[in-house]
Protein backbone atom coordinates (compact mmCIF):
# COMPACT_ATOMS: atom_id res chain seq x y z
CA MET A 1 0.00 0.00 0.00
CA GLU A 2 1.04 3.59 -0.54
CA THR A 3 1.32 6.02 2.39
CA ALA A 4 -1.75 8.00 1.29
CA GLU A 5 -3.75 4.77 0.96
CA VAL A 6 -2.86 3.71 4.53
CA LEU A 7 -3.83 7.11 5.92
CA GLN A 8 -7.09 7.10 3.97
CA LYS A 9 -7.99 3.69 5.38
CA VAL A 10 -7.34 4.94 8.91
CA LYS A 11 -9.58 7.93 8.22
CA SER A 12 -12.39 5.74 6.88
CA GLY A 13 -12.08 3.25 9.73
CA GLU A 14 -11.02 0.33 7.53
CA ILE A 15 -7.86 -0.18 9.58
CA SER A 16 -6.89 0.90 13.09
CA VAL A 17 -4.22 3.39 14.08
CA GLU A 18 -2.26 0.44 15.53
CA ASP A 19 -2.35 -1.38 12.18
CA ALA A 20 -1.10 1.78 10.45
CA GLU A 21 1.71 2.10 12.98
CA ARG A 22 2.75 -1.49 12.33
CA TYR A 23 2.82 -0.76 8.60
CA PHE A 24 5.07 2.28 9.00
CA ARG A 25 7.38 0.44 11.43
CA LYS A 26 8.17 -2.23 8.86
CA LYS A 27 11.78 -2.45 7.78
CA PRO A 28 12.49 -0.43 4.63
CA PHE A 29 13.45 -3.65 2.85
CA GLU A 30 12.45 -7.31 2.83
CA GLU A 31 15.37 -9.63 3.67
CA MET A 32 15.27 -12.81 1.58
CA GLY A 33 18.83 -14.02 2.03
CA TYR A 34 19.73 -13.78 -1.65
CA ALA A 35 17.87 -10.47 -2.17
CA LYS A 36 16.89 -7.39 -0.21
CA LEU A 37 13.65 -6.11 -1.72
CA ASP A 38 13.35 -2.32 -1.51
CA THR A 39 9.74 -2.22 -0.30
CA HIS A 40 9.93 1.48 0.65
CA ARG A 41 11.17 2.62 -2.75
CA LYS A 42 7.71 3.75 -3.84
CA ILE A 43 7.36 5.87 -0.69
CA ARG A 44 10.74 7.54 -1.31
CA SER A 45 10.70 7.94 -5.08
CA GLY A 46 7.14 7.34 -6.25
CA PHE A 47 8.20 4.24 -8.22
CA SER A 48 8.00 0.70 -6.90
CA GLU A 49 10.90 -1.71 -7.38
CA VAL A 50 11.02 -3.51 -10.73
CA ILE A 51 12.51 -6.95 -11.40
CA PHE A 52 15.34 -7.38 -13.91
CA CYS A 53 14.54 -10.99 -14.81
CA SER A 54 17.50 -11.87 -17.01
CA GLY A 55 19.94 -14.25 -15.35
CA LYS A 56 17.90 -14.86 -12.20
CA ALA A 57 17.50 -18.39 -10.86
CA ASP A 58 13.93 -19.65 -11.29
CA GLU A 59 13.29 -20.05 -7.56
CA HIS A 60 14.70 -16.60 -6.80
CA LEU A 61 12.60 -14.98 -9.53
CA LEU A 62 9.45 -16.75 -8.43
CA ARG A 63 9.81 -15.73 -4.80
CA ILE A 64 10.82 -12.13 -5.59
CA PHE A 65 7.88 -11.81 -8.00
CA GLY A 66 5.50 -13.15 -5.35
CA LYS A 67 6.81 -10.88 -2.58
CA LEU A 68 6.52 -7.72 -4.68
CA TYR A 69 3.03 -8.71 -5.83
CA GLU A 70 2.00 -9.36 -2.23
CA GLU A 71 3.41 -6.00 -1.17
CA ASP A 72 1.83 -3.78 -3.83
CA GLY A 73 -0.88 -5.75 -5.62
CA GLU A 74 1.03 -5.49 -8.91
CA VAL A 75 4.50 -6.27 -10.18
CA PHE A 76 6.63 -5.49 -13.24
CA GLY A 77 9.59 -7.38 -14.67
CA THR A 78 11.87 -6.61 -17.61
CA ARG A 79 14.01 -8.81 -19.90
CA ALA A 80 12.06 -11.97 -19.09
CA THR A 81 12.23 -15.11 -21.20
CA LYS A 82 9.23 -17.12 -22.32
CA GLU A 83 10.42 -19.94 -20.07
CA GLN A 84 10.40 -17.60 -17.07
CA TYR A 85 6.88 -16.52 -18.00
CA GLU A 86 5.67 -20.13 -18.18
CA MET A 87 7.19 -20.78 -14.76
CA ILE A 88 5.58 -17.71 -13.18
CA ARG A 89 2.22 -18.44 -14.82
CA GLU A 90 1.95 -21.77 -13.02
CA ARG A 91 1.74 -19.88 -9.71
CA TYR A 92 0.15 -16.64 -10.97
CA PRO A 93 -2.13 -17.40 -13.95
CA GLN A 94 -3.11 -13.73 -14.28
CA VAL A 95 0.44 -12.72 -15.26
CA GLU A 96 0.87 -11.11 -18.68
CA TYR A 97 3.86 -11.50 -20.99
CA ASP A 98 4.82 -9.52 -24.08
CA GLU A 99 7.17 -11.52 -26.31
CA LEU A 100 8.22 -8.35 -28.17
CA SER A 101 9.43 -6.30 -25.20
CA HIS A 102 10.04 -9.29 -22.87
CA ILE A 103 7.99 -7.61 -20.15
CA LEU A 104 6.35 -9.73 -17.46
CA LYS A 105 3.69 -8.04 -15.34
CA ILE A 106 0.56 -8.08 -13.24
CA GLU A 107 -1.19 -4.71 -13.24
CA LYS A 108 -4.00 -3.34 -11.14
CA PRO A 109 -7.20 -3.10 -13.20
CA GLU A 110 -8.47 0.25 -14.46
CA LYS A 111 -5.24 2.10 -13.72
CA GLU A 112 -5.45 5.84 -14.29
CA ARG A 113 -2.96 7.18 -16.83
CA LYS A 114 -2.18 10.89 -17.10
CA GLY A 115 -0.32 13.36 -19.29
CA LEU A 116 1.28 12.27 -22.54
CA ILE A 117 4.58 10.74 -23.61
CA ALA A 118 5.37 10.19 -27.30
CA VAL A 119 7.51 7.11 -27.97
CA CYS A 120 9.00 7.24 -31.47
CA THR A 121 11.12 4.77 -33.40
CA ALA A 122 13.29 5.17 -36.47
CA GLY A 123 12.39 1.71 -37.77
CA THR A 124 10.31 -1.36 -36.94
CA ALA A 125 13.42 -3.21 -35.71
CA ASP A 126 13.61 -0.65 -32.87
CA ILE A 127 10.09 -1.44 -31.62
CA PRO A 128 11.09 -4.05 -28.97
CA VAL A 129 13.14 -1.42 -27.10
CA ALA A 130 10.46 1.22 -27.70
CA GLU A 131 7.81 -1.09 -26.27
CA GLU A 132 9.91 -1.60 -23.15
CA ALA A 133 9.93 2.20 -22.75
CA ALA A 134 6.23 2.62 -23.54
CA GLN A 135 5.01 -0.18 -21.28
CA THR A 136 7.25 0.99 -18.44
CA ALA A 137 5.74 4.47 -18.68
CA GLU A 138 2.20 3.06 -18.85
CA TYR A 139 2.80 0.83 -15.83
CA PHE A 140 3.89 3.88 -13.84
CA GLY A 141 0.77 5.83 -14.79
CA SER A 142 1.61 7.75 -17.98
CA SER A 143 -0.43 7.95 -21.16
CA VAL A 144 1.67 6.96 -24.16
CA GLU A 145 1.30 7.63 -27.88
CA ARG A 146 3.34 5.31 -30.10
CA VAL A 147 4.80 6.79 -33.30
CA PHE A 148 6.70 4.02 -35.05
CA ASP A 149 8.82 3.83 -38.22
CA VAL A 150 9.48 7.55 -38.71
CA GLY A 151 13.21 7.43 -39.35
CA VAL A 152 15.22 10.06 -41.22
CA SER A 153 15.46 8.05 -44.44
CA GLY A 154 11.86 9.16 -45.06
CA ILE A 155 11.51 12.29 -42.97
CA HIS A 156 8.06 13.12 -44.37
CA ARG A 157 6.74 10.25 -42.22
CA LEU A 158 7.95 12.02 -39.09
CA LEU A 159 6.57 15.39 -40.17
CA SER A 160 3.12 13.84 -40.70
CA GLU A 161 3.04 12.95 -36.97
CA LEU A 162 4.29 16.28 -35.59
CA ASP A 163 0.95 17.28 -34.06
CA VAL A 164 0.98 14.27 -31.74
CA ILE A 165 4.68 14.54 -30.92
CA GLN A 166 4.56 18.25 -30.13
CA LYS A 167 1.63 17.78 -27.71
CA ALA A 168 3.58 15.40 -25.49
CA ASN A 169 5.20 16.41 -22.20
CA CYS A 170 8.23 14.35 -23.19
CA VAL A 171 9.46 12.47 -26.27
CA VAL A 172 11.37 9.19 -26.32
CA ALA A 173 13.35 8.74 -29.57
CA VAL A 174 14.48 5.17 -30.19
CA ALA A 175 16.92 4.53 -33.05
CA GLY A 176 19.71 2.26 -34.18
CA MET A 177 21.89 2.56 -37.30
CA GLU A 178 23.30 6.13 -37.15
CA GLY A 179 20.83 7.29 -34.47
CA ALA A 180 19.89 10.58 -36.14
CA LEU A 181 16.20 10.53 -35.18
CA ALA A 182 16.76 12.12 -31.77
CA SER A 183 18.56 15.13 -33.27
CA VAL A 184 15.79 15.74 -35.78
CA ILE A 185 13.04 15.51 -33.15
CA GLY A 186 15.07 17.71 -30.79
CA GLY A 187 14.93 20.51 -33.32
CA LEU A 188 11.15 20.25 -33.72
CA VAL A 189 9.80 20.19 -30.15
CA ASP A 190 9.91 22.39 -27.05
CA LYS A 191 9.91 19.47 -24.60
CA PRO A 192 12.71 17.19 -23.35
CA VAL A 193 13.80 14.38 -25.68
CA ILE A 194 15.17 11.14 -24.27
CA ALA A 195 17.32 9.40 -26.86
CA VAL A 196 17.62 5.61 -26.78
CA PRO A 197 20.30 4.06 -29.00
CA THR A 198 19.55 0.49 -30.06
CA SER A 199 21.87 -2.30 -31.13
CA VAL A 200 20.14 -2.44 -34.54
CA GLY A 201 22.45 -2.04 -37.53
CA TYR A 202 25.24 -3.46 -39.65
CA GLY A 203 28.86 -4.04 -38.63
CA ALA A 204 30.03 -0.44 -38.24
CA SER A 205 27.10 0.32 -35.97
CA MET A 206 29.11 -1.67 -33.38
CA HIS A 207 26.02 -3.04 -31.62
CA GLY A 208 24.61 0.42 -30.95
CA LEU A 209 27.79 2.31 -30.15
CA SER A 210 27.54 4.42 -33.32
CA ALA A 211 23.98 5.48 -32.46
CA LEU A 212 25.02 6.20 -28.87
CA LEU A 213 27.88 8.47 -30.00
CA THR A 214 25.64 10.28 -32.49
CA MET A 215 23.06 10.97 -29.80
CA ILE A 216 25.64 12.13 -27.25
CA ASN A 217 27.12 14.47 -29.86
CA SER A 218 23.79 15.86 -31.04
CA CYS A 219 23.77 19.55 -31.94
CA ALA A 220 20.08 19.81 -31.01
CA ASN A 221 19.33 21.11 -27.51
CA GLY A 222 17.23 19.41 -24.86
CA ILE A 223 18.38 15.85 -25.57
CA SER A 224 19.39 13.38 -22.87
CA VAL A 225 20.72 9.91 -23.67
CA VAL A 226 20.31 6.57 -21.90
CA ASN A 227 22.31 3.41 -22.43
CA ILE A 228 22.09 1.15 -25.48
CA ASP A 229 18.76 -0.74 -25.60
CA ASN A 230 17.73 0.75 -22.23
CA GLY A 231 14.03 1.20 -22.91
CA TYR A 232 13.19 0.77 -19.24
CA GLY A 233 15.46 3.66 -18.21
CA ALA A 234 13.93 5.90 -20.87
CA GLY A 235 10.38 5.03 -19.81
CA TYR A 236 11.21 5.75 -16.17
CA VAL A 237 12.77 9.17 -16.81
CA ALA A 238 10.00 10.06 -19.27
CA THR A 239 7.44 9.33 -16.57
CA GLN A 240 9.25 11.59 -14.10
CA ILE A 241 9.14 14.40 -16.66
CA ASN A 242 5.53 13.67 -17.56
CA ARG A 243 4.49 13.84 -13.90
CA LEU A 244 6.01 17.29 -13.64
CA GLY A 245 4.06 18.33 -16.74
CA VAL A 246 0.83 17.02 -15.26
CA ARG A 247 1.39 18.90 -11.99
CA GLU A 248 1.93 22.14 -13.89
């Protein structure tokens, strides 16, 4: 539960003051021996802890997933395999899995989403990373507009979507190859642009390093860059910016 939810339940008489005290006295993390779950992260930062599924032992993943779900009534995991999904689904049949973004999640129904983030890709091969960004932002309560396949090799495609992109509180630009999309968008909007280089491209793209260097060296203002293929990081920062836009 969130702090405001606990206080509201005390006010309405659903729980006692003593129960609320016990909740707030809980340790700020859950000790599991092999993991220390940061159960107070949402109170401190407004974002609950997320599971990076890749490389985790099945038993560890299953127990971490269950503990976070028990704590917050929803849970979100990135970079999950289909095998991990099948394993989790045996215990939690309501879990959802997206094979494109490799996201594993249980969400609260009818979640309110606010503001607007535009998630753009240069090509369709960039969509898996873009979906990681978009679904991360949606999970954390942002409205997202997807604008896919608007790379600079056919810039008229991007210009046809400018109305949507310029309305957003923040833009996520996902591109591999030479990574020029972020620079172009940066020169067309008055909001922050988060550039995400992807490992899409031929040999000299060096698994995304070329796109990363292009984005870091952009001459357009207002561009920040996350790591190669880091859709989750982009979705998180975009949500922080979007929340500020909603408050204003």
